[in-house]
Amino acid sequence: MTAADLPAVEAIAAQVHPGYPEEAAIFAERLRLYPPGCRVFAPDGAAVLAYLVSHPWHLLQPPPLDSLLGALPDLPSTYYIHDLALLPQTRGSGAARAVVQALAEHALASGMSNMSLVAVNASTGFWERNGFAVHHEPALAAKLRSYDAAAQLMIRRLG
């Protein structure tokens, strides 16, 4: 992902995640803070059809939706997947599975022992098929409800 991709990323986010709006500054900040974790899928240089935003973070401390981070932690304890969004025509192509596997390899090579995310939009099944498991953490219940009533913290162990 580059700064030139941000308008396409914002458009995909608005289409795929209308119930989870985030300001454009969120995507720009994540790209600035951790470029290796921000990727787009644009086959053969065509239009952007999917994006991924991820970065090192604190385990069991998912950032609130639509919030700036300010900085990444000096001692991260998880590789956090902030967002993965695919336009409908890209679903079922294997692109999401491939990017999750590439992220797992990147996270492991970066010294992380796990990846985590907040699953929304009835995506728990997808994440389970990609090695993630729901992690019940009562102290996070209110924060997860700020995403939506069915949001689930999920963790994938690496290595």
N, C-alpha and C. Protein backbone atom coordinates (compact mmCIF):
# COMPACT_ATOMS: atom_id res chain seq x y z
N MET A 1 0.84 -1.17 0.00
CA MET A 1 0.00 0.00 0.00
C MET A 1 0.89 1.24 0.00
N THR A 2 0.46 2.22 -0.76
CA THR A 2 1.13 3.51 -0.78
C THR A 2 0.09 4.58 -0.47
N ALA A 3 0.54 5.80 -0.26
CA ALA A 3 -0.38 6.91 -0.01
C ALA A 3 -1.36 7.07 -1.18
N ALA A 4 -0.91 6.77 -2.38
CA ALA A 4 -1.79 6.90 -3.55
C ALA A 4 -2.95 5.90 -3.52
N ASP A 5 -2.80 4.81 -2.76
CA ASP A 5 -3.86 3.80 -2.64
C ASP A 5 -4.93 4.17 -1.63
N LEU A 6 -4.67 5.16 -0.79
CA LEU A 6 -5.58 5.46 0.32
C LEU A 6 -7.01 5.80 -0.12
N PRO A 7 -7.23 6.57 -1.18
CA PRO A 7 -8.62 6.80 -1.59
C PRO A 7 -9.35 5.50 -1.95
N ALA A 8 -8.67 4.57 -2.61
CA ALA A 8 -9.30 3.28 -2.93
C ALA A 8 -9.58 2.49 -1.67
N VAL A 9 -8.64 2.52 -0.73
CA VAL A 9 -8.82 1.82 0.55
C VAL A 9 -10.05 2.38 1.28
N GLU A 10 -10.15 3.69 1.34
CA GLU A 10 -11.29 4.32 2.00
C GLU A 10 -12.61 3.95 1.32
N ALA A 11 -12.61 3.89 0.00
CA ALA A 11 -13.83 3.53 -0.74
C ALA A 11 -14.22 2.08 -0.46
N ILE A 12 -13.24 1.18 -0.42
CA ILE A 12 -13.54 -0.22 -0.11
C ILE A 12 -14.05 -0.33 1.32
N ALA A 13 -13.43 0.37 2.25
CA ALA A 13 -13.88 0.33 3.64
C ALA A 13 -15.33 0.79 3.76
N ALA A 14 -15.68 1.85 3.05
CA ALA A 14 -17.04 2.37 3.11
C ALA A 14 -18.04 1.37 2.54
N GLN A 15 -17.64 0.63 1.53
CA GLN A 15 -18.53 -0.35 0.91
C GLN A 15 -18.62 -1.63 1.73
N VAL A 16 -17.49 -2.14 2.20
CA VAL A 16 -17.44 -3.43 2.87
C VAL A 16 -17.81 -3.34 4.36
N HIS A 17 -17.43 -2.24 5.00
CA HIS A 17 -17.65 -2.08 6.44
C HIS A 17 -18.47 -0.82 6.75
N PRO A 18 -19.66 -0.66 6.18
CA PRO A 18 -20.41 0.58 6.42
C PRO A 18 -20.79 0.77 7.89
N GLY A 19 -20.89 -0.31 8.64
CA GLY A 19 -21.25 -0.20 10.05
C GLY A 19 -20.07 0.08 10.96
N TYR A 20 -18.88 0.17 10.39
CA TYR A 20 -17.65 0.39 11.18
C TYR A 20 -16.84 1.52 10.54
N PRO A 21 -17.42 2.71 10.46
CA PRO A 21 -16.72 3.80 9.76
C PRO A 21 -15.46 4.24 10.50
N GLU A 22 -14.45 4.55 9.73
CA GLU A 22 -13.21 5.09 10.28
C GLU A 22 -12.79 6.27 9.42
N GLU A 23 -12.24 7.26 10.08
CA GLU A 23 -11.75 8.44 9.38
C GLU A 23 -10.57 8.07 8.48
N ALA A 24 -10.39 8.82 7.43
CA ALA A 24 -9.26 8.60 6.51
C ALA A 24 -7.92 8.66 7.24
N ALA A 25 -7.85 9.47 8.28
CA ALA A 25 -6.60 9.61 9.04
C ALA A 25 -6.16 8.30 9.68
N ILE A 26 -7.08 7.42 9.96
CA ILE A 26 -6.73 6.13 10.58
C ILE A 26 -5.88 5.32 9.61
N PHE A 27 -6.33 5.19 8.37
CA PHE A 27 -5.58 4.43 7.38
C PHE A 27 -4.22 5.06 7.10
N ALA A 28 -4.21 6.39 6.98
CA ALA A 28 -2.95 7.10 6.71
C ALA A 28 -1.97 6.92 7.86
N GLU A 29 -2.45 6.96 9.09
CA GLU A 29 -1.56 6.79 10.23
C GLU A 29 -0.99 5.38 10.28
N ARG A 30 -1.83 4.37 10.07
CA ARG A 30 -1.33 2.98 10.11
C ARG A 30 -0.27 2.77 9.03
N LEU A 31 -0.50 3.33 7.85
CA LEU A 31 0.47 3.22 6.77
C LEU A 31 1.78 3.91 7.16
N ARG A 32 1.69 5.07 7.76
CA ARG A 32 2.89 5.79 8.18
C ARG A 32 3.63 5.05 9.29
N LEU A 33 2.88 4.50 10.26
CA LEU A 33 3.51 3.83 11.40
C LEU A 33 4.12 2.48 11.05
N TYR A 34 3.46 1.74 10.13
CA TYR A 34 3.95 0.39 9.85
C TYR A 34 3.65 -0.01 8.40
N PRO A 35 4.42 0.53 7.45
CA PRO A 35 4.17 0.22 6.03
C PRO A 35 4.15 -1.28 5.69
N PRO A 36 5.01 -2.12 6.31
CA PRO A 36 4.96 -3.54 5.92
C PRO A 36 3.63 -4.23 6.25
N GLY A 37 2.86 -3.64 7.14
CA GLY A 37 1.58 -4.25 7.52
C GLY A 37 0.39 -3.72 6.75
N CYS A 38 0.63 -2.83 5.80
CA CYS A 38 -0.44 -2.25 5.01
C CYS A 38 -0.26 -2.69 3.56
N ARG A 39 -1.22 -3.45 3.08
CA ARG A 39 -1.09 -4.05 1.75
C ARG A 39 -2.39 -3.89 0.97
N VAL A 40 -2.26 -3.88 -0.34
CA VAL A 40 -3.43 -3.87 -1.20
C VAL A 40 -3.33 -5.04 -2.18
N PHE A 41 -4.47 -5.45 -2.68
CA PHE A 41 -4.56 -6.48 -3.70
C PHE A 41 -5.09 -5.80 -4.95
N ALA A 42 -4.22 -5.66 -5.94
CA ALA A 42 -4.56 -5.04 -7.21
C ALA A 42 -3.93 -5.90 -8.30
N PRO A 43 -4.60 -6.99 -8.70
CA PRO A 43 -3.99 -7.92 -9.66
C PRO A 43 -3.62 -7.25 -10.97
N ASP A 44 -2.42 -7.55 -11.43
CA ASP A 44 -1.91 -7.03 -12.69
C ASP A 44 -1.96 -5.51 -12.77
N GLY A 45 -1.79 -4.85 -11.62
CA GLY A 45 -1.78 -3.40 -11.60
C GLY A 45 -3.13 -2.75 -11.84
N ALA A 46 -4.18 -3.56 -11.80
CA ALA A 46 -5.53 -3.03 -12.02
C ALA A 46 -6.00 -2.30 -10.76
N ALA A 47 -7.26 -2.04 -10.66
CA ALA A 47 -7.84 -1.34 -9.52
C ALA A 47 -7.63 -2.14 -8.23
N VAL A 48 -7.56 -1.44 -7.13
CA VAL A 48 -7.45 -2.08 -5.82
C VAL A 48 -8.77 -2.78 -5.52
N LEU A 49 -8.67 -4.09 -5.22
CA LEU A 49 -9.86 -4.90 -4.94
C LEU A 49 -9.95 -5.31 -3.48
N ALA A 50 -8.86 -5.14 -2.73
CA ALA A 50 -8.84 -5.53 -1.33
C ALA A 50 -7.69 -4.81 -0.63
N TYR A 51 -7.79 -4.73 0.68
CA TYR A 51 -6.69 -4.16 1.44
C TYR A 51 -6.57 -4.85 2.79
N LEU A 52 -5.43 -4.64 3.39
CA LEU A 52 -5.13 -5.17 4.71
C LEU A 52 -4.39 -4.09 5.48
N VAL A 53 -4.76 -3.90 6.75
CA VAL A 53 -4.06 -2.99 7.65
C VAL A 53 -3.73 -3.78 8.91
N SER A 54 -2.44 -3.84 9.26
CA SER A 54 -2.00 -4.61 10.42
C SER A 54 -0.73 -3.98 10.99
N HIS A 55 -0.41 -4.35 12.23
CA HIS A 55 0.76 -3.76 12.88
C HIS A 55 1.05 -4.48 14.21
N PRO A 56 2.25 -4.34 14.72
CA PRO A 56 2.55 -4.86 16.05
C PRO A 56 1.74 -4.07 17.10
N TRP A 57 1.32 -4.79 18.18
CA TRP A 57 0.52 -4.13 19.20
C TRP A 57 0.61 -4.89 20.51
N HIS A 58 -0.28 -4.56 21.45
CA HIS A 58 -0.34 -5.19 22.76
C HIS A 58 -1.43 -6.27 22.75
N LEU A 59 -1.08 -7.48 23.16
CA LEU A 59 -2.07 -8.55 23.24
C LEU A 59 -3.12 -8.19 24.29
N LEU A 60 -4.35 -8.52 23.99
CA LEU A 60 -5.51 -8.28 24.85
C LEU A 60 -5.82 -6.80 25.05
N GLN A 61 -5.31 -5.96 24.15
CA GLN A 61 -5.59 -4.52 24.20
C GLN A 61 -5.93 -3.99 22.81
N PRO A 62 -6.95 -4.54 22.17
CA PRO A 62 -7.27 -4.05 20.82
C PRO A 62 -7.58 -2.56 20.85
N PRO A 63 -7.07 -1.82 19.87
CA PRO A 63 -7.36 -0.39 19.84
C PRO A 63 -8.85 -0.14 19.62
N PRO A 64 -9.37 0.92 20.19
CA PRO A 64 -10.78 1.26 19.93
C PRO A 64 -10.98 1.55 18.44
N LEU A 65 -12.14 1.25 17.94
CA LEU A 65 -12.48 1.53 16.55
C LEU A 65 -12.36 3.03 16.28
N ASP A 66 -11.87 3.37 15.11
CA ASP A 66 -11.75 4.76 14.66
C ASP A 66 -10.91 5.61 15.61
N SER A 67 -9.77 5.06 16.02
CA SER A 67 -8.89 5.83 16.91
C SER A 67 -7.46 5.81 16.40
N LEU A 68 -6.81 6.94 16.54
CA LEU A 68 -5.40 7.02 16.18
C LEU A 68 -4.56 6.35 17.26
N LEU A 69 -3.45 5.75 16.85
CA LEU A 69 -2.57 5.09 17.79
C LEU A 69 -1.52 6.02 18.38
N GLY A 70 -1.07 6.97 17.59
CA GLY A 70 0.00 7.86 18.02
C GLY A 70 1.37 7.28 17.75
N ALA A 71 1.59 6.06 18.23
CA ALA A 71 2.87 5.37 18.03
C ALA A 71 2.63 3.88 18.25
N LEU A 72 3.56 3.08 17.76
CA LEU A 72 3.52 1.65 18.02
C LEU A 72 4.30 1.36 19.30
N PRO A 73 3.97 0.30 19.99
CA PRO A 73 4.68 -0.01 21.24
C PRO A 73 6.13 -0.42 21.00
N ASP A 74 6.98 -0.07 21.95
CA ASP A 74 8.38 -0.50 21.88
C ASP A 74 8.51 -2.01 22.07
N LEU A 75 7.64 -2.58 22.89
CA LEU A 75 7.67 -4.01 23.18
C LEU A 75 6.31 -4.62 22.87
N PRO A 76 5.99 -4.82 21.58
CA PRO A 76 4.69 -5.40 21.24
C PRO A 76 4.61 -6.85 21.66
N SER A 77 3.39 -7.31 21.93
CA SER A 77 3.19 -8.70 22.33
C SER A 77 2.26 -9.46 21.40
N THR A 78 1.83 -8.81 20.31
CA THR A 78 1.00 -9.47 19.31
C THR A 78 1.18 -8.76 17.98
N TYR A 79 0.85 -9.46 16.92
CA TYR A 79 0.76 -8.84 15.61
C TYR A 79 -0.73 -8.68 15.36
N TYR A 80 -1.21 -7.44 15.34
CA TYR A 80 -2.63 -7.13 15.32
C TYR A 80 -3.12 -6.87 13.90
N ILE A 81 -4.17 -7.55 13.52
CA ILE A 81 -4.81 -7.31 12.22
C ILE A 81 -5.95 -6.33 12.47
N HIS A 82 -5.75 -5.11 12.02
CA HIS A 82 -6.74 -4.05 12.21
C HIS A 82 -7.92 -4.24 11.27
N ASP A 83 -7.63 -4.58 10.02
CA ASP A 83 -8.72 -4.66 9.04
C ASP A 83 -8.26 -5.43 7.81
N LEU A 84 -9.13 -6.27 7.31
CA LEU A 84 -8.97 -6.96 6.04
C LEU A 84 -10.30 -6.82 5.33
N ALA A 85 -10.30 -6.21 4.16
CA ALA A 85 -11.54 -5.98 3.42
C ALA A 85 -11.35 -6.32 1.96
N LEU A 86 -12.29 -7.10 1.44
CA LEU A 86 -12.27 -7.51 0.04
C LEU A 86 -13.58 -7.12 -0.61
N LEU A 87 -13.50 -6.57 -1.82
CA LEU A 87 -14.71 -6.33 -2.59
C LEU A 87 -15.35 -7.66 -2.93
N PRO A 88 -16.66 -7.70 -3.11
CA PRO A 88 -17.34 -8.98 -3.35
C PRO A 88 -16.75 -9.82 -4.48
N GLN A 89 -16.29 -9.20 -5.56
CA GLN A 89 -15.76 -9.96 -6.68
C GLN A 89 -14.44 -10.67 -6.36
N THR A 90 -13.82 -10.31 -5.26
CA THR A 90 -12.54 -10.91 -4.88
C THR A 90 -12.74 -12.09 -3.92
N ARG A 91 -13.87 -12.13 -3.25
CA ARG A 91 -14.12 -13.19 -2.27
C ARG A 91 -14.17 -14.55 -2.96
N GLY A 92 -13.60 -15.52 -2.28
CA GLY A 92 -13.56 -16.87 -2.83
C GLY A 92 -12.38 -17.12 -3.75
N SER A 93 -11.55 -16.10 -3.98
CA SER A 93 -10.41 -16.24 -4.89
C SER A 93 -9.17 -16.83 -4.22
N GLY A 94 -9.20 -16.91 -2.89
CA GLY A 94 -8.02 -17.37 -2.16
C GLY A 94 -7.09 -16.24 -1.76
N ALA A 95 -7.39 -15.02 -2.17
CA ALA A 95 -6.53 -13.87 -1.87
C ALA A 95 -6.45 -13.63 -0.37
N ALA A 96 -7.58 -13.70 0.33
CA ALA A 96 -7.57 -13.44 1.78
C ALA A 96 -6.75 -14.49 2.51
N ARG A 97 -6.94 -15.74 2.17
CA ARG A 97 -6.17 -16.82 2.82
C ARG A 97 -4.68 -16.63 2.57
N ALA A 98 -4.31 -16.27 1.36
CA ALA A 98 -2.90 -16.07 1.03
C ALA A 98 -2.30 -14.92 1.82
N VAL A 99 -3.04 -13.82 1.97
CA VAL A 99 -2.49 -12.68 2.70
C VAL A 99 -2.40 -12.99 4.19
N VAL A 100 -3.34 -13.74 4.73
CA VAL A 100 -3.26 -14.11 6.15
C VAL A 100 -2.04 -15.00 6.38
N GLN A 101 -1.77 -15.91 5.47
CA GLN A 101 -0.59 -16.77 5.61
C GLN A 101 0.70 -15.95 5.49
N ALA A 102 0.73 -15.02 4.55
CA ALA A 102 1.91 -14.16 4.42
C ALA A 102 2.11 -13.32 5.68
N LEU A 103 1.02 -12.85 6.27
CA LEU A 103 1.12 -12.09 7.52
C LEU A 103 1.65 -12.94 8.65
N ALA A 104 1.19 -14.18 8.73
CA ALA A 104 1.67 -15.08 9.78
C ALA A 104 3.18 -15.28 9.65
N GLU A 105 3.65 -15.46 8.43
CA GLU A 105 5.09 -15.61 8.20
C GLU A 105 5.84 -14.33 8.57
N HIS A 106 5.29 -13.18 8.21
CA HIS A 106 5.91 -11.90 8.55
C HIS A 106 5.94 -11.70 10.07
N ALA A 107 4.84 -11.99 10.73
CA ALA A 107 4.77 -11.82 12.18
C ALA A 107 5.78 -12.72 12.89
N LEU A 108 5.86 -13.97 12.46
CA LEU A 108 6.81 -14.91 13.06
C LEU A 108 8.24 -14.45 12.83
N ALA A 109 8.54 -14.02 11.62
CA ALA A 109 9.89 -13.52 11.31
C ALA A 109 10.22 -12.25 12.09
N SER A 110 9.18 -11.51 12.49
CA SER A 110 9.37 -10.29 13.27
C SER A 110 9.47 -10.56 14.77
N GLY A 111 9.42 -11.83 15.15
CA GLY A 111 9.55 -12.20 16.56
C GLY A 111 8.26 -12.33 17.32
N MET A 112 7.14 -12.25 16.65
CA MET A 112 5.84 -12.37 17.32
C MET A 112 5.48 -13.84 17.51
N SER A 113 4.86 -14.16 18.62
CA SER A 113 4.44 -15.54 18.88
C SER A 113 2.95 -15.73 18.61
N ASN A 114 2.25 -14.64 18.27
CA ASN A 114 0.82 -14.74 18.00
C ASN A 114 0.36 -13.57 17.14
N MET A 115 -0.83 -13.72 16.60
CA MET A 115 -1.54 -12.65 15.90
C MET A 115 -2.90 -12.53 16.56
N SER A 116 -3.47 -11.34 16.54
CA SER A 116 -4.79 -11.15 17.14
C SER A 116 -5.60 -10.17 16.31
N LEU A 117 -6.91 -10.16 16.56
CA LEU A 117 -7.83 -9.29 15.83
C LEU A 117 -9.16 -9.27 16.55
N VAL A 118 -10.00 -8.35 16.15
CA VAL A 118 -11.39 -8.34 16.59
C VAL A 118 -12.22 -8.70 15.37
N ALA A 119 -12.90 -9.83 15.45
CA ALA A 119 -13.73 -10.30 14.34
C ALA A 119 -15.10 -9.62 14.40
N VAL A 120 -15.50 -9.02 13.29
CA VAL A 120 -16.81 -8.37 13.16
C VAL A 120 -17.45 -8.84 11.86
N ASN A 121 -18.66 -8.39 11.62
CA ASN A 121 -19.33 -8.70 10.34
C ASN A 121 -19.50 -10.20 10.11
N ALA A 122 -19.74 -10.96 11.16
CA ALA A 122 -19.93 -12.41 11.04
C ALA A 122 -18.74 -13.11 10.39
N SER A 123 -17.52 -12.61 10.66
CA SER A 123 -16.32 -13.17 10.03
C SER A 123 -15.60 -14.22 10.88
N THR A 124 -16.15 -14.57 12.03
CA THR A 124 -15.49 -15.51 12.93
C THR A 124 -15.14 -16.82 12.22
N GLY A 125 -16.04 -17.34 11.42
CA GLY A 125 -15.78 -18.60 10.70
C GLY A 125 -14.58 -18.50 9.78
N PHE A 126 -14.47 -17.40 9.05
CA PHE A 126 -13.31 -17.20 8.17
C PHE A 126 -12.03 -17.25 8.98
N TRP A 127 -12.01 -16.51 10.09
CA TRP A 127 -10.79 -16.45 10.89
C TRP A 127 -10.47 -17.80 11.54
N GLU A 128 -11.49 -18.53 11.94
CA GLU A 128 -11.25 -19.88 12.48
C GLU A 128 -10.62 -20.78 11.43
N ARG A 129 -11.08 -20.69 10.19
CA ARG A 129 -10.50 -21.50 9.11
C ARG A 129 -9.05 -21.10 8.83
N ASN A 130 -8.64 -19.94 9.32
CA ASN A 130 -7.27 -19.46 9.13
C ASN A 130 -6.45 -19.54 10.41
N GLY A 131 -6.86 -20.42 11.32
CA GLY A 131 -6.06 -20.72 12.49
C GLY A 131 -6.31 -19.90 13.73
N PHE A 132 -7.27 -19.00 13.70
CA PHE A 132 -7.59 -18.17 14.86
C PHE A 132 -8.64 -18.85 15.73
N ALA A 133 -8.61 -18.57 17.02
CA ALA A 133 -9.61 -19.08 17.94
C ALA A 133 -10.15 -17.93 18.78
N VAL A 134 -11.43 -18.01 19.09
CA VAL A 134 -12.04 -16.98 19.95
C VAL A 134 -11.38 -17.04 21.32
N HIS A 135 -11.05 -15.88 21.84
CA HIS A 135 -10.46 -15.78 23.17
C HIS A 135 -11.42 -14.98 24.04
N HIS A 136 -11.98 -15.63 25.04
CA HIS A 136 -12.93 -14.96 25.93
C HIS A 136 -12.16 -14.25 27.03
N GLU A 137 -12.29 -12.95 27.05
CA GLU A 137 -11.61 -12.10 28.04
C GLU A 137 -12.67 -11.17 28.63
N PRO A 138 -13.25 -11.55 29.78
CA PRO A 138 -14.34 -10.75 30.35
C PRO A 138 -14.02 -9.26 30.51
N ALA A 139 -12.79 -8.92 30.80
CA ALA A 139 -12.42 -7.52 30.99
C ALA A 139 -12.56 -6.70 29.70
N LEU A 140 -12.63 -7.38 28.56
CA LEU A 140 -12.74 -6.68 27.27
C LEU A 140 -14.17 -6.60 26.74
N ALA A 141 -15.13 -7.13 27.48
CA ALA A 141 -16.50 -7.23 26.97
C ALA A 141 -17.06 -5.87 26.52
N ALA A 142 -16.90 -4.84 27.32
CA ALA A 142 -17.45 -3.53 26.95
C ALA A 142 -16.74 -2.97 25.73
N LYS A 143 -15.43 -3.12 25.65
CA LYS A 143 -14.68 -2.61 24.50
C LYS A 143 -15.11 -3.34 23.23
N LEU A 144 -15.29 -4.64 23.30
CA LEU A 144 -15.71 -5.40 22.13
C LEU A 144 -17.11 -4.99 21.68
N ARG A 145 -17.99 -4.72 22.62
CA ARG A 145 -19.35 -4.27 22.26
C ARG A 145 -19.31 -2.92 21.54
N SER A 146 -18.23 -2.14 21.73
CA SER A 146 -18.14 -0.86 21.01
C SER A 146 -17.94 -1.09 19.52
N TYR A 147 -17.47 -2.28 19.14
CA TYR A 147 -17.37 -2.64 17.72
C TYR A 147 -18.76 -3.06 17.25
N ASP A 148 -19.31 -4.10 17.87
CA ASP A 148 -20.69 -4.53 17.68
C ASP A 148 -21.01 -5.61 18.70
N ALA A 149 -22.27 -5.97 18.80
CA ALA A 149 -22.70 -6.91 19.84
C ALA A 149 -22.10 -8.30 19.68
N ALA A 150 -21.70 -8.67 18.47
CA ALA A 150 -21.16 -10.01 18.23
C ALA A 150 -19.64 -10.02 18.06
N ALA A 151 -18.97 -8.91 18.27
CA ALA A 151 -17.52 -8.85 18.07
C ALA A 151 -16.80 -9.85 18.98
N GLN A 152 -15.77 -10.47 18.43
CA GLN A 152 -15.01 -11.49 19.16
C GLN A 152 -13.52 -11.19 19.06
N LEU A 153 -12.82 -11.23 20.18
CA LEU A 153 -11.37 -11.18 20.15
C LEU A 153 -10.89 -12.56 19.73
N MET A 154 -10.00 -12.62 18.75
CA MET A 154 -9.49 -13.89 18.26
C MET A 154 -7.96 -13.85 18.23
N ILE A 155 -7.35 -15.00 18.53
CA ILE A 155 -5.90 -15.10 18.59
C ILE A 155 -5.46 -16.33 17.81
N ARG A 156 -4.35 -16.18 17.11
CA ARG A 156 -3.71 -17.32 16.42
C ARG A 156 -2.29 -17.44 16.95
N ARG A 157 -1.97 -18.57 17.50
CA ARG A 157 -0.62 -18.83 17.97
C ARG A 157 0.27 -19.13 16.77
N LEU A 158 1.52 -18.68 16.82
CA LEU A 158 2.46 -18.88 15.73
C LEU A 158 3.63 -19.75 16.20
N GLY A 159 4.26 -20.40 15.22
CA GLY A 159 5.48 -21.14 15.52
C GLY A 159 5.33 -22.51 16.03
